[in-house]
Amino acid sequence: MHEYPITQQIIKIAEDHCRKAEGSRVTKINLVIGDYSGYVGSSVQMYFDVISEGTLCEGAEVAIEHIKPKLRCSECGELFEKKLLSFDCPKCGGQGGPTDIGKEFYIESIEVE
């Protein structure tokens, strides 16, 4: 449900960008969504399809790049994806700690015509 207001903001930003670029409509919005961002890409897409009707974004493609979370090894600094039930670094065996990788949520680019 919290994807609804953020999708409204995406549409507003894209429309503003389209007007500034003197475009007639938005054709594509490229989003980056981390798996730990708290947002679900399919929900953003669903809301976009509904609330973009009648806007400069109607019919635009929404491309979503998903970012997997990564841990950072406290011993060697290696970034790695967590394995089920393990925080062990695959490089040195040290323990991995949390990072901000996987928490991303932003508009990477907007294409207009």
C-alpha atoms as a PDB file:
ATOM      1  CA  MET A   1       0.000   0.000   0.000  1.00  0.00           C
ATOM      2  CA  HIS A   2       2.858   2.446   0.670  1.00  0.00           C
ATOM      3  CA  GLU A   3       3.854   2.099  -2.987  1.00  0.00           C
ATOM      4  CA  TYR A   4       0.850   4.223  -4.006  1.00  0.00           C
ATOM      5  CA  PRO A   5       2.139   7.615  -2.769  1.00  0.00           C
ATOM      6  CA  ILE A   6       5.682   6.958  -3.991  1.00  0.00           C
ATOM      7  CA  THR A   7       4.317   6.042  -7.426  1.00  0.00           C
ATOM      8  CA  GLN A   8       2.360   9.299  -7.460  1.00  0.00           C
ATOM      9  CA  GLN A   9       5.645  11.116  -6.806  1.00  0.00           C
ATOM     10  CA  ILE A  10       7.405   9.213  -9.596  1.00  0.00           C
ATOM     11  CA  ILE A  11       4.688  10.310 -12.030  1.00  0.00           C
ATOM     12  CA  LYS A  12       4.906  13.921 -10.832  1.00  0.00           C
ATOM     13  CA  ILE A  13       8.705  13.960 -11.225  1.00  0.00           C
ATOM     14  CA  ALA A  14       8.487  12.361 -14.678  1.00  0.00           C
ATOM     15  CA  GLU A  15       5.841  14.845 -15.831  1.00  0.00           C
ATOM     16  CA  ASP A  16       7.929  17.787 -14.563  1.00  0.00           C
ATOM     17  CA  HIS A  17      10.956  16.388 -16.406  1.00  0.00           C
ATOM     18  CA  CYS A  18       8.900  15.983 -19.592  1.00  0.00           C
ATOM     19  CA  ARG A  19       7.669  19.587 -19.447  1.00  0.00           C
ATOM     20  CA  LYS A  20      11.195  20.940 -18.848  1.00  0.00           C
ATOM     21  CA  ALA A  21      12.502  18.888 -21.780  1.00  0.00           C
ATOM     22  CA  GLU A  22       9.603  20.260 -23.856  1.00  0.00           C
ATOM     23  CA  GLY A  23       8.502  16.706 -24.595  1.00  0.00           C
ATOM     24  CA  SER A  24       5.014  15.596 -25.472  1.00  0.00           C
ATOM     25  CA  ARG A  25       4.985  12.478 -23.298  1.00  0.00           C
ATOM     26  CA  VAL A  26       7.072  10.206 -21.109  1.00  0.00           C
ATOM     27  CA  THR A  27       8.060   6.994 -22.896  1.00  0.00           C
ATOM     28  CA  LYS A  28      10.150   5.208 -20.268  1.00  0.00           C
ATOM     29  CA  ILE A  29      11.069   5.481 -16.598  1.00  0.00           C
ATOM     30  CA  ASN A  30      14.073   3.526 -15.334  1.00  0.00           C
ATOM     31  CA  LEU A  31      13.893   2.761 -11.616  1.00  0.00           C
ATOM     32  CA  VAL A  32      16.423   1.185  -9.272  1.00  0.00           C
ATOM     33  CA  ILE A  33      14.846  -0.716  -6.386  1.00  0.00           C
ATOM     34  CA  GLY A  34      16.860  -2.555  -3.761  1.00  0.00           C
ATOM     35  CA  ASP A  35      15.381  -5.749  -2.365  1.00  0.00           C
ATOM     36  CA  TYR A  36      15.639  -4.253   1.157  1.00  0.00           C
ATOM     37  CA  SER A  37      14.217  -0.833   0.208  1.00  0.00           C
ATOM     38  CA  GLY A  38      10.781  -1.692   1.525  1.00  0.00           C
ATOM     39  CA  TYR A  39       9.185  -1.208  -1.903  1.00  0.00           C
ATOM     40  CA  VAL A  40       7.911  -3.946  -4.193  1.00  0.00           C
ATOM     41  CA  GLY A  41       8.563  -3.385  -7.880  1.00  0.00           C
ATOM     42  CA  SER A  42       5.452  -5.221  -9.042  1.00  0.00           C
ATOM     43  CA  SER A  43       3.288  -3.023  -6.787  1.00  0.00           C
ATOM     44  CA  VAL A  44       4.911   0.147  -8.140  1.00  0.00           C
ATOM     45  CA  GLN A  45       4.202  -1.146 -11.669  1.00  0.00           C
ATOM     46  CA  MET A  46       0.579  -1.960 -10.823  1.00  0.00           C
ATOM     47  CA  TYR A  47      -0.075   1.469  -9.306  1.00  0.00           C
ATOM     48  CA  PHE A  48       1.762   3.181 -12.168  1.00  0.00           C
ATOM     49  CA  ASP A  49      -0.468   1.511 -14.752  1.00  0.00           C
ATOM     50  CA  VAL A  50      -3.583   2.742 -12.929  1.00  0.00           C
ATOM     51  CA  ILE A  51      -2.685   6.255 -11.775  1.00  0.00           C
ATOM     52  CA  SER A  52      -0.735   7.283 -14.894  1.00  0.00           C
ATOM     53  CA  GLU A  53      -3.929   7.174 -16.972  1.00  0.00           C
ATOM     54  CA  GLY A  54      -4.647  10.633 -18.353  1.00  0.00           C
ATOM     55  CA  THR A  55      -1.153  11.934 -17.527  1.00  0.00           C
ATOM     56  CA  LEU A  56       1.959  12.546 -19.623  1.00  0.00           C
ATOM     57  CA  CYS A  57       3.140   9.141 -18.359  1.00  0.00           C
ATOM     58  CA  GLU A  58       0.221   7.110 -19.681  1.00  0.00           C
ATOM     59  CA  GLY A  59       1.544   4.134 -21.636  1.00  0.00           C
ATOM     60  CA  ALA A  60       5.149   4.673 -20.526  1.00  0.00           C
ATOM     61  CA  GLU A  61       7.342   1.663 -19.864  1.00  0.00           C
ATOM     62  CA  VAL A  62       8.601   1.227 -16.307  1.00  0.00           C
ATOM     63  CA  ALA A  63      11.907  -0.658 -16.270  1.00  0.00           C
ATOM     64  CA  ILE A  64      13.036  -1.818 -12.845  1.00  0.00           C
ATOM     65  CA  GLU A  65      16.574  -2.819 -11.945  1.00  0.00           C
ATOM     66  CA  HIS A  66      16.542  -4.891  -8.764  1.00  0.00           C
ATOM     67  CA  ILE A  67      19.550  -4.637  -6.440  1.00  0.00           C
ATOM     68  CA  LYS A  68      20.356  -7.602  -4.214  1.00  0.00           C
ATOM     69  CA  PRO A  69      21.540  -6.796  -0.682  1.00  0.00           C
ATOM     70  CA  LYS A  70      25.207  -7.302   0.107  1.00  0.00           C
ATOM     71  CA  LEU A  71      27.207  -7.744   3.275  1.00  0.00           C
ATOM     72  CA  ARG A  72      30.733  -6.434   3.859  1.00  0.00           C
ATOM     73  CA  CYS A  73      33.295  -8.739   5.477  1.00  0.00           C
ATOM     74  CA  SER A  74      34.754  -7.260   8.662  1.00  0.00           C
ATOM     75  CA  GLU A  75      38.071  -9.029   7.966  1.00  0.00           C
ATOM     76  CA  CYS A  76      38.874  -8.448   4.281  1.00  0.00           C
ATOM     77  CA  GLY A  77      36.245  -5.892   3.202  1.00  0.00           C
ATOM     78  CA  GLU A  78      34.786  -8.143   0.497  1.00  0.00           C
ATOM     79  CA  LEU A  79      31.188  -7.391  -0.560  1.00  0.00           C
ATOM     80  CA  PHE A  80      29.061 -10.503  -0.950  1.00  0.00           C
ATOM     81  CA  GLU A  81      25.482 -11.762  -1.014  1.00  0.00           C
ATOM     82  CA  LYS A  82      24.375 -13.505   2.147  1.00  0.00           C
ATOM     83  CA  LYS A  83      23.846 -17.240   1.903  1.00  0.00           C
ATOM     84  CA  LEU A  84      20.960 -18.860   3.753  1.00  0.00           C
ATOM     85  CA  LEU A  85      21.732 -19.107   7.503  1.00  0.00           C
ATOM     86  CA  SER A  86      25.293 -17.840   7.056  1.00  0.00           C
ATOM     87  CA  PHE A  87      27.124 -14.523   7.343  1.00  0.00           C
ATOM     88  CA  ASP A  88      30.472 -16.108   6.382  1.00  0.00           C
ATOM     89  CA  CYS A  89      32.591 -14.343   3.771  1.00  0.00           C
ATOM     90  CA  PRO A  90      33.197 -16.631   0.760  1.00  0.00           C
ATOM     91  CA  LYS A  91      36.683 -15.138   0.326  1.00  0.00           C
ATOM     92  CA  CYS A  92      38.190 -15.384   3.831  1.00  0.00           C
ATOM     93  CA  GLY A  93      35.557 -16.881   6.144  1.00  0.00           C
ATOM     94  CA  GLY A  94      35.199 -13.690   8.210  1.00  0.00           C
ATOM     95  CA  GLN A  95      31.811 -12.388   9.314  1.00  0.00           C
ATOM     96  CA  GLY A  96      29.793 -10.096   7.075  1.00  0.00           C
ATOM     97  CA  GLY A  97      27.999  -7.035   8.335  1.00  0.00           C
ATOM     98  CA  PRO A  98      25.176  -4.970   6.877  1.00  0.00           C
ATOM     99  CA  THR A  99      25.650  -2.298   4.209  1.00  0.00           C
ATOM    100  CA  ASP A 100      23.297   0.073   2.420  1.00  0.00           C
ATOM    101  CA  ILE A 101      23.556  -1.999  -0.766  1.00  0.00           C
ATOM    102  CA  GLY A 102      20.068  -3.310  -1.435  1.00  0.00           C
ATOM    103  CA  LYS A 103      18.258  -0.346   0.154  1.00  0.00           C
ATOM    104  CA  GLU A 104      18.288   1.811  -2.985  1.00  0.00           C
ATOM    105  CA  PHE A 105      15.161   3.387  -4.406  1.00  0.00           C
ATOM    106  CA  TYR A 106      15.517   6.057  -7.063  1.00  0.00           C
ATOM    107  CA  ILE A 107      14.702   7.131 -10.600  1.00  0.00           C
ATOM    108  CA  GLU A 108      17.759   6.382 -12.722  1.00  0.00           C
ATOM    109  CA  SER A 109      16.471   8.094 -15.874  1.00  0.00           C
ATOM    110  CA  ILE A 110      13.390   9.337 -17.662  1.00  0.00           C
ATOM    111  CA  GLU A 111      12.933   9.170 -21.427  1.00  0.00           C
ATOM    112  CA  VAL A 112      10.585  11.508 -23.279  1.00  0.00           C
ATOM    113  CA  GLU A 113       9.577  12.188 -26.863  1.00  0.00           C
END
